[in-house]
Amino acid sequence: MAQALPKVFTFEEFIAWLPENTGKHYELHDGIIVEMPQPTGKHEKVTGFLAGEITLEYKRLQLPYFIPKMALVKPPRKSSGFLPDVVLINDANLHNEELWEKESTVTQSESIPLIIEVVSTNWEDDYYTKLGNYEAMKIPEYWIVDYAALGARKFIGNPKQPTISIYHLVDEEYQVTQFRNSQRIISPTFPELNLTANQILNGAL
């Protein structure tokens, strides 16, 4: 029996389709709607810790940034929309974002200084799909926080171990620096951020 192909959605159709008040979250990957897995408690602890620490830092520096709850990141000219675990928004550029007011969606690198994905069981999305799209969008900095060492060995080493990979643009291509254990992370966006890999991976100071 022939298997029906999944319906391919445009971004506009995806936005119109999104159900409300279900407690479920969805992304659009090249026209295919993907239901995001329910995060574990550890995932939420790490995500909340990072959002809090970064908020303290941009407020200390008096930068025009904020971290929204459910903003979508849309690569231009693609039927995709991603819902990062943490996306830092530059309020000063939102007047240039046509989709922001009605759809809380950003498309320009000038609006997105930093994105953080905390790895779940669908780790391929973070290391393949999103890494490639964020690089193509020229988003300045992208963290992959792999607290459970789920990613492939070619990404986090052999033997696999919990790793924070910080990708930053150099000549329009991502260069990666990795941090583990008691190493202090180095963030190009927040060079004075004083956190070790262990503090982030455990979600606690």
Protein backbone atom coordinates (compact mmCIF):
# COMPACT_ATOMS: atom_id res chain seq x y z
CA MET A 1 0.00 0.00 0.00
CA ALA A 2 1.39 3.41 -0.97
CA GLN A 3 2.37 5.63 1.93
CA ALA A 4 0.99 9.15 1.85
CA LEU A 5 3.64 11.83 1.72
CA PRO A 6 3.55 14.39 4.54
CA LYS A 7 1.95 17.69 3.61
CA VAL A 8 4.45 20.44 2.91
CA PHE A 9 3.56 23.75 4.54
CA THR A 10 4.62 27.27 3.76
CA PHE A 11 5.66 29.34 6.75
CA GLU A 12 2.41 31.31 6.52
CA GLU A 13 0.37 28.09 6.54
CA PHE A 14 2.37 26.86 9.52
CA ILE A 15 1.63 30.04 11.48
CA ALA A 16 -2.07 29.76 10.67
CA TRP A 17 -2.08 26.06 11.65
CA LEU A 18 -0.34 26.42 15.02
CA PRO A 19 -2.77 25.25 17.72
CA GLU A 20 -3.20 27.30 20.88
CA ASN A 21 -3.18 26.22 24.51
CA THR A 22 -2.22 22.61 23.85
CA GLY A 23 1.03 22.69 25.80
CA LYS A 24 2.80 21.29 22.74
CA HIS A 25 5.46 23.08 20.73
CA TYR A 26 6.12 22.79 17.02
CA GLU A 27 8.77 23.80 14.50
CA LEU A 28 8.74 23.88 10.71
CA HIS A 29 11.66 22.11 9.02
CA ASP A 30 11.74 22.69 5.26
CA GLY A 31 7.96 22.64 5.06
CA ILE A 32 7.43 19.71 7.45
CA ILE A 33 5.81 20.32 10.83
CA VAL A 34 7.81 18.74 13.65
CA GLU A 35 6.41 18.28 17.16
CA MET A 36 9.11 19.03 19.71
CA PRO A 37 9.67 16.43 22.44
CA GLN A 38 8.61 17.24 25.97
CA PRO A 39 11.79 18.45 27.71
CA THR A 40 13.17 16.70 30.76
CA GLY A 41 13.51 18.44 34.09
CA LYS A 42 17.29 18.69 33.63
CA HIS A 43 16.80 20.30 30.22
CA GLU A 44 14.50 22.92 31.71
CA LYS A 45 16.86 23.59 34.61
CA VAL A 46 19.82 24.20 32.30
CA THR A 47 17.72 26.37 29.97
CA GLY A 48 16.33 28.45 32.83
CA PHE A 49 19.76 28.87 34.39
CA LEU A 50 21.26 30.16 31.14
CA ALA A 51 18.37 32.51 30.44
CA GLY A 52 18.74 33.97 33.93
CA GLU A 53 22.52 34.42 33.76
CA ILE A 54 22.41 36.03 30.32
CA THR A 55 19.60 38.34 31.41
CA LEU A 56 21.71 39.51 34.34
CA GLU A 57 24.63 40.17 32.01
CA TYR A 58 22.82 42.20 29.34
CA LYS A 59 21.10 44.23 32.03
CA ARG A 60 24.44 44.89 33.71
CA LEU A 61 25.81 46.09 30.38
CA GLN A 62 22.62 48.12 29.71
CA LEU A 63 22.12 46.53 26.30
CA PRO A 64 18.75 46.77 24.47
CA TYR A 65 18.18 43.02 24.61
CA PHE A 66 15.48 40.71 25.92
CA ILE A 67 14.71 36.97 25.92
CA PRO A 68 11.18 36.17 24.67
CA LYS A 69 9.23 33.11 25.66
CA MET A 70 8.13 31.75 22.28
CA ALA A 71 9.70 33.74 19.43
CA LEU A 72 10.32 31.96 16.14
CA VAL A 73 13.49 32.25 14.09
CA LYS A 74 12.79 32.04 10.36
CA PRO A 75 15.58 31.64 7.79
CA PRO A 76 14.80 33.97 4.86
CA ARG A 77 13.42 32.36 1.68
CA LYS A 78 12.87 29.02 3.44
CA SER A 79 9.79 27.23 4.72
CA SER A 80 11.28 26.78 8.17
CA GLY A 81 10.72 28.22 11.60
CA PHE A 82 12.68 27.29 14.72
CA LEU A 83 11.78 27.75 18.37
CA PRO A 84 15.14 28.01 20.20
CA ASP A 85 15.52 27.17 23.86
CA VAL A 86 17.03 30.63 24.39
CA VAL A 87 17.01 33.37 21.76
CA LEU A 88 18.44 36.78 22.60
CA ILE A 89 16.62 39.57 20.76
CA ASN A 90 18.01 43.00 19.95
CA ASP A 91 15.06 45.32 20.52
CA ALA A 92 16.78 48.09 18.56
CA ASN A 93 16.31 46.21 15.28
CA LEU A 94 12.75 44.96 15.67
CA HIS A 95 11.33 47.89 13.68
CA ASN A 96 12.96 46.23 10.64
CA GLU A 97 11.26 42.88 11.27
CA GLU A 98 8.04 42.64 9.24
CA LEU A 99 6.83 39.47 11.00
CA TRP A 100 7.52 40.53 14.56
CA GLU A 101 4.37 42.37 15.62
CA LYS A 102 1.82 39.80 14.47
CA GLU A 103 3.81 36.57 14.47
CA SER A 104 6.66 37.15 16.99
CA THR A 105 9.08 36.00 14.29
CA VAL A 106 12.57 37.30 13.51
CA THR A 107 14.49 36.78 10.28
CA GLN A 108 17.51 39.10 10.46
CA SER A 109 20.85 38.44 12.12
CA GLU A 110 20.85 42.03 13.39
CA SER A 111 17.91 41.05 15.60
CA ILE A 112 19.57 37.92 17.03
CA PRO A 113 22.91 38.34 18.83
CA LEU A 114 22.81 34.84 20.34
CA ILE A 115 20.90 31.56 20.16
CA ILE A 116 21.24 28.66 22.60
CA GLU A 117 19.95 25.15 22.02
CA VAL A 118 20.00 22.67 24.91
CA VAL A 119 20.29 19.22 23.37
CA SER A 120 17.40 16.76 23.64
CA THR A 121 16.87 13.33 22.10
CA ASN A 122 16.42 15.01 18.70
CA TRP A 123 20.08 16.09 18.82
CA GLU A 124 20.45 15.92 15.03
CA ASP A 125 18.30 19.03 14.70
CA ASP A 126 20.71 21.09 16.81
CA TYR A 127 23.94 19.82 15.24
CA TYR A 128 22.82 19.57 11.62
CA THR A 129 19.60 21.41 10.73
CA LYS A 130 19.87 24.42 13.01
CA LEU A 131 23.64 24.80 12.87
CA GLY A 132 23.53 25.06 9.08
CA ASN A 133 20.57 27.43 9.04
CA TYR A 134 21.91 29.72 11.76
CA GLU A 135 25.26 29.93 9.98
CA ALA A 136 23.53 30.76 6.67
CA MET A 137 21.52 33.47 8.48
CA LYS A 138 24.81 34.88 9.83
CA ILE A 139 23.64 34.74 13.44
CA PRO A 140 26.76 35.90 15.31
CA GLU A 141 26.82 33.29 18.06
CA TYR A 142 25.22 29.88 18.60
CA TRP A 143 25.65 27.62 21.64
CA ILE A 144 24.90 23.90 21.69
CA VAL A 145 24.67 22.76 25.31
CA ASP A 146 24.93 18.97 25.31
CA TYR A 147 24.62 18.16 29.02
CA ALA A 148 23.82 14.46 28.43
CA ALA A 149 26.47 13.90 25.70
CA LEU A 150 23.83 12.86 23.15
CA GLY A 151 25.53 14.25 20.04
CA ALA A 152 27.61 12.19 17.64
CA ARG A 153 31.28 11.58 18.45
CA LYS A 154 32.36 13.74 15.51
CA PHE A 155 30.76 16.68 17.32
CA ILE A 156 31.68 16.08 20.97
CA GLY A 157 34.64 13.71 20.81
CA ASN A 158 35.38 10.10 21.63
CA PRO A 159 34.63 9.04 24.31
CA LYS A 160 31.56 11.23 24.37
CA GLN A 161 31.26 13.62 27.29
CA PRO A 162 29.05 16.57 28.23
CA THR A 163 30.14 19.50 26.10
CA ILE A 164 29.28 23.12 25.41
CA SER A 165 30.04 24.07 21.80
CA ILE A 166 30.12 27.80 21.08
CA TYR A 167 29.99 28.65 17.40
CA HIS A 168 30.80 32.21 16.32
CA LEU A 169 31.04 33.80 12.90
CA VAL A 170 34.48 34.41 11.44
CA ASP A 171 34.47 35.64 7.84
CA GLU A 172 30.85 34.50 7.54
CA GLU A 173 31.62 30.93 8.65
CA TYR A 174 31.17 29.35 12.05
CA GLN A 175 34.25 28.52 14.08
CA VAL A 176 33.68 26.35 17.15
CA THR A 177 35.28 26.36 20.59
CA GLN A 178 34.31 23.63 23.04
CA PHE A 179 34.21 23.67 26.83
CA ARG A 180 33.99 20.88 29.39
CA ASN A 181 34.30 20.28 33.13
CA SER A 182 35.74 23.28 35.03
CA GLN A 183 36.73 25.27 31.94
CA ARG A 184 35.46 28.85 31.88
CA ILE A 185 33.40 29.43 28.76
CA ILE A 186 34.35 32.22 26.37
CA SER A 187 31.42 34.03 24.74
CA PRO A 188 32.21 36.63 22.05
CA THR A 189 28.90 38.35 22.80
CA PHE A 190 29.49 38.43 26.57
CA PRO A 191 33.27 38.15 27.12
CA GLU A 192 32.95 38.98 30.83
CA LEU A 193 30.43 36.23 31.53
CA ASN A 194 32.01 34.25 34.36
CA LEU A 195 30.63 30.72 34.07
CA THR A 196 32.29 27.33 33.87
CA ALA A 197 31.06 24.49 31.71
CA ASN A 198 30.10 22.50 34.83
CA GLN A 199 27.98 25.35 36.18
CA ILE A 200 26.03 25.47 32.93
CA LEU A 201 25.79 21.72 32.43
CA ASN A 202 24.46 21.31 35.98
CA GLY A 203 22.22 24.37 35.80
CA ALA A 204 23.55 25.77 39.07
CA LEU A 205 26.16 28.12 40.46
